[in-house]
Amino acid sequence: MEKELIDKIESLRGKMELEAVKLGINHPSVIEISQKIDKFHTKLVKLQMEKRYRQKENSSKIFEKLVNTFDIALL
């Protein structure tokens, strides 16, 4: 999913650059593409944050199990 979002953003960015050269940076078409890029970028950032959170959460669970195992071994 992350790769697809990055590819979509890059594709739209290229399209936006061409449109901006052809029509001008303030053309409604260019602004619309820019807004689409913003939406995909927001989705990408959310996805990356969720991924980091899950990794951190999993690391915490593994650490907790390790600590519990160590505590049991000391008893």
N, C-alpha and C. Protein backbone atom coordinates (compact mmCIF):
# COMPACT_ATOMS: atom_id res chain seq x y z
N MET A 1 0.82 -1.20 0.00
CA MET A 1 0.00 0.00 0.00
C MET A 1 0.87 1.26 0.00
N GLU A 2 1.92 1.24 0.81
CA GLU A 2 2.81 2.40 0.90
C GLU A 2 3.45 2.70 -0.46
N LYS A 3 3.94 1.66 -1.10
CA LYS A 3 4.58 1.82 -2.41
C LYS A 3 3.60 2.38 -3.44
N GLU A 4 2.36 1.90 -3.40
CA GLU A 4 1.35 2.38 -4.34
C GLU A 4 1.06 3.86 -4.12
N LEU A 5 1.00 4.27 -2.87
CA LEU A 5 0.75 5.68 -2.57
C LEU A 5 1.91 6.55 -3.06
N ILE A 6 3.12 6.09 -2.83
CA ILE A 6 4.29 6.85 -3.29
C ILE A 6 4.29 6.95 -4.81
N ASP A 7 3.98 5.85 -5.48
CA ASP A 7 3.92 5.86 -6.94
C ASP A 7 2.85 6.82 -7.44
N LYS A 8 1.70 6.81 -6.79
CA LYS A 8 0.60 7.70 -7.19
C LYS A 8 1.00 9.16 -6.99
N ILE A 9 1.63 9.45 -5.87
CA ILE A 9 2.08 10.82 -5.60
C ILE A 9 3.07 11.27 -6.67
N GLU A 10 4.03 10.42 -6.98
CA GLU A 10 5.04 10.77 -7.98
C GLU A 10 4.42 10.97 -9.37
N SER A 11 3.47 10.11 -9.69
CA SER A 11 2.78 10.24 -10.98
C SER A 11 2.02 11.56 -11.07
N LEU A 12 1.29 11.87 -10.01
CA LEU A 12 0.55 13.12 -9.99
C LEU A 12 1.47 14.34 -9.99
N ARG A 13 2.60 14.21 -9.31
CA ARG A 13 3.56 15.31 -9.28
C ARG A 13 4.07 15.62 -10.68
N GLY A 14 4.39 14.57 -11.43
CA GLY A 14 4.84 14.75 -12.80
C GLY A 14 3.77 15.40 -13.66
N LYS A 15 2.55 14.93 -13.49
CA LYS A 15 1.42 15.50 -14.24
C LYS A 15 1.22 16.97 -13.87
N MET A 16 1.33 17.27 -12.58
CA MET A 16 1.15 18.64 -12.12
C MET A 16 2.22 19.56 -12.70
N GLU A 17 3.45 19.08 -12.74
CA GLU A 17 4.54 19.89 -13.30
C GLU A 17 4.28 20.22 -14.77
N LEU A 18 3.84 19.23 -15.53
CA LEU A 18 3.55 19.46 -16.94
C LEU A 18 2.40 20.45 -17.12
N GLU A 19 1.37 20.27 -16.32
CA GLU A 19 0.22 21.18 -16.39
C GLU A 19 0.62 22.60 -15.99
N ALA A 20 1.46 22.72 -14.99
CA ALA A 20 1.89 24.04 -14.52
C ALA A 20 2.69 24.77 -15.59
N VAL A 21 3.54 24.03 -16.30
CA VAL A 21 4.32 24.65 -17.38
C VAL A 21 3.39 25.08 -18.51
N LYS A 22 2.43 24.23 -18.80
CA LYS A 22 1.53 24.50 -19.92
C LYS A 22 0.49 25.57 -19.59
N LEU A 23 -0.10 25.49 -18.39
CA LEU A 23 -1.25 26.34 -18.06
C LEU A 23 -0.95 27.43 -17.04
N GLY A 24 0.15 27.30 -16.34
CA GLY A 24 0.47 28.26 -15.28
C GLY A 24 0.17 27.65 -13.92
N ILE A 25 0.94 28.09 -12.96
CA ILE A 25 0.88 27.48 -11.63
C ILE A 25 -0.45 27.72 -10.90
N ASN A 26 -1.15 28.77 -11.26
CA ASN A 26 -2.41 29.09 -10.57
C ASN A 26 -3.65 28.57 -11.30
N HIS A 27 -3.45 27.78 -12.32
CA HIS A 27 -4.59 27.25 -13.07
C HIS A 27 -5.36 26.26 -12.18
N PRO A 28 -6.69 26.28 -12.27
CA PRO A 28 -7.50 25.37 -11.44
C PRO A 28 -7.12 23.90 -11.58
N SER A 29 -6.72 23.49 -12.76
CA SER A 29 -6.32 22.09 -12.97
C SER A 29 -5.07 21.75 -12.15
N VAL A 30 -4.13 22.67 -12.12
CA VAL A 30 -2.89 22.46 -11.37
C VAL A 30 -3.20 22.43 -9.87
N ILE A 31 -4.04 23.31 -9.43
CA ILE A 31 -4.42 23.36 -8.01
C ILE A 31 -5.15 22.09 -7.62
N GLU A 32 -6.01 21.60 -8.49
CA GLU A 32 -6.75 20.36 -8.21
C GLU A 32 -5.80 19.17 -8.06
N ILE A 33 -4.83 19.09 -8.95
CA ILE A 33 -3.84 18.01 -8.85
C ILE A 33 -3.05 18.14 -7.55
N SER A 34 -2.67 19.36 -7.22
CA SER A 34 -1.93 19.60 -5.98
C SER A 34 -2.73 19.14 -4.76
N GLN A 35 -4.01 19.40 -4.78
CA GLN A 35 -4.87 18.98 -3.66
C GLN A 35 -4.97 17.45 -3.59
N LYS A 36 -4.99 16.80 -4.75
CA LYS A 36 -5.00 15.34 -4.77
C LYS A 36 -3.70 14.79 -4.17
N ILE A 37 -2.60 15.43 -4.54
CA ILE A 37 -1.31 15.02 -3.99
C ILE A 37 -1.33 15.16 -2.47
N ASP A 38 -1.88 16.27 -1.99
CA ASP A 38 -1.97 16.49 -0.54
C ASP A 38 -2.75 15.36 0.14
N LYS A 39 -3.85 14.96 -0.46
CA LYS A 39 -4.67 13.89 0.12
C LYS A 39 -3.91 12.56 0.17
N PHE A 40 -3.24 12.24 -0.93
CA PHE A 40 -2.46 10.99 -0.95
C PHE A 40 -1.29 11.06 0.03
N HIS A 41 -0.69 12.23 0.14
CA HIS A 41 0.42 12.39 1.08
C HIS A 41 -0.06 12.21 2.52
N THR A 42 -1.22 12.76 2.82
CA THR A 42 -1.79 12.60 4.16
C THR A 42 -2.05 11.12 4.46
N LYS A 43 -2.60 10.40 3.48
CA LYS A 43 -2.83 8.96 3.65
C LYS A 43 -1.51 8.23 3.90
N LEU A 44 -0.49 8.61 3.15
CA LEU A 44 0.82 7.97 3.29
C LEU A 44 1.40 8.20 4.68
N VAL A 45 1.33 9.42 5.15
CA VAL A 45 1.86 9.74 6.48
C VAL A 45 1.10 8.98 7.56
N LYS A 46 -0.22 8.91 7.44
CA LYS A 46 -1.03 8.16 8.41
C LYS A 46 -0.63 6.68 8.40
N LEU A 47 -0.47 6.13 7.21
CA LEU A 47 -0.08 4.73 7.08
C LEU A 47 1.28 4.49 7.73
N GLN A 48 2.22 5.38 7.48
CA GLN A 48 3.56 5.23 8.06
C GLN A 48 3.52 5.36 9.58
N MET A 49 2.70 6.27 10.09
CA MET A 49 2.58 6.42 11.54
C MET A 49 1.95 5.18 12.17
N GLU A 50 0.93 4.64 11.53
CA GLU A 50 0.30 3.42 12.04
C GLU A 50 1.29 2.26 12.04
N LYS A 51 2.08 2.18 10.99
CA LYS A 51 3.07 1.12 10.88
C LYS A 51 4.09 1.22 12.01
N ARG A 52 4.57 2.44 12.27
CA ARG A 52 5.53 2.64 13.36
C ARG A 52 4.90 2.32 14.71
N TYR A 53 3.64 2.71 14.88
CA TYR A 53 2.96 2.44 16.15
C TYR A 53 2.84 0.93 16.37
N ARG A 54 2.45 0.21 15.32
CA ARG A 54 2.32 -1.25 15.44
C ARG A 54 3.67 -1.89 15.75
N GLN A 55 4.72 -1.41 15.11
CA GLN A 55 6.05 -1.95 15.37
C GLN A 55 6.46 -1.68 16.82
N LYS A 56 6.18 -0.47 17.28
CA LYS A 56 6.52 -0.10 18.65
C LYS A 56 5.71 -0.94 19.63
N GLU A 57 4.43 -1.10 19.32
CA GLU A 57 3.55 -1.89 20.18
C GLU A 57 4.03 -3.34 20.24
N ASN A 58 4.39 -3.90 19.10
CA ASN A 58 4.89 -5.27 19.06
C ASN A 58 6.20 -5.39 19.82
N SER A 59 7.06 -4.41 19.69
CA SER A 59 8.33 -4.41 20.42
C SER A 59 8.07 -4.38 21.92
N SER A 60 7.10 -3.58 22.33
CA SER A 60 6.77 -3.49 23.75
C SER A 60 6.25 -4.82 24.28
N LYS A 61 5.43 -5.49 23.48
CA LYS A 61 4.89 -6.79 23.90
C LYS A 61 6.01 -7.82 24.01
N ILE A 62 6.91 -7.81 23.06
CA ILE A 62 8.04 -8.74 23.10
C ILE A 62 8.90 -8.45 24.33
N PHE A 63 9.16 -7.16 24.58
CA PHE A 63 9.96 -6.78 25.74
C PHE A 63 9.27 -7.21 27.03
N GLU A 64 7.96 -7.00 27.09
CA GLU A 64 7.20 -7.39 28.29
C GLU A 64 7.29 -8.90 28.52
N LYS A 65 7.17 -9.69 27.46
CA LYS A 65 7.28 -11.14 27.59
C LYS A 65 8.67 -11.53 28.06
N LEU A 66 9.67 -10.85 27.52
CA LEU A 66 11.05 -11.13 27.91
C LEU A 66 11.27 -10.81 29.38
N VAL A 67 10.76 -9.68 29.82
CA VAL A 67 10.90 -9.29 31.23
C VAL A 67 10.17 -10.29 32.12
N ASN A 68 8.96 -10.67 31.73
CA ASN A 68 8.21 -11.65 32.52
C ASN A 68 8.94 -12.98 32.59
N THR A 69 9.51 -13.39 31.48
CA THR A 69 10.27 -14.64 31.46
C THR A 69 11.48 -14.54 32.38
N PHE A 70 12.14 -13.40 32.33
CA PHE A 70 13.31 -13.18 33.18
C PHE A 70 12.92 -13.18 34.65
N ASP A 71 11.78 -12.53 34.97
CA ASP A 71 11.30 -12.51 36.35
C ASP A 71 11.00 -13.92 36.85
N ILE A 72 10.38 -14.73 36.00
CA ILE A 72 10.05 -16.11 36.38
C ILE A 72 11.33 -16.90 36.61
N ALA A 73 12.33 -16.67 35.77
CA ALA A 73 13.59 -17.39 35.89
C ALA A 73 14.30 -17.04 37.20
N LEU A 74 14.09 -15.83 37.69
CA LEU A 74 14.74 -15.41 38.94
C LEU A 74 14.05 -15.98 40.17
N LEU A 75 12.80 -16.41 40.03
CA LEU A 75 12.06 -16.93 41.19
C LEU A 75 12.54 -18.27 41.64
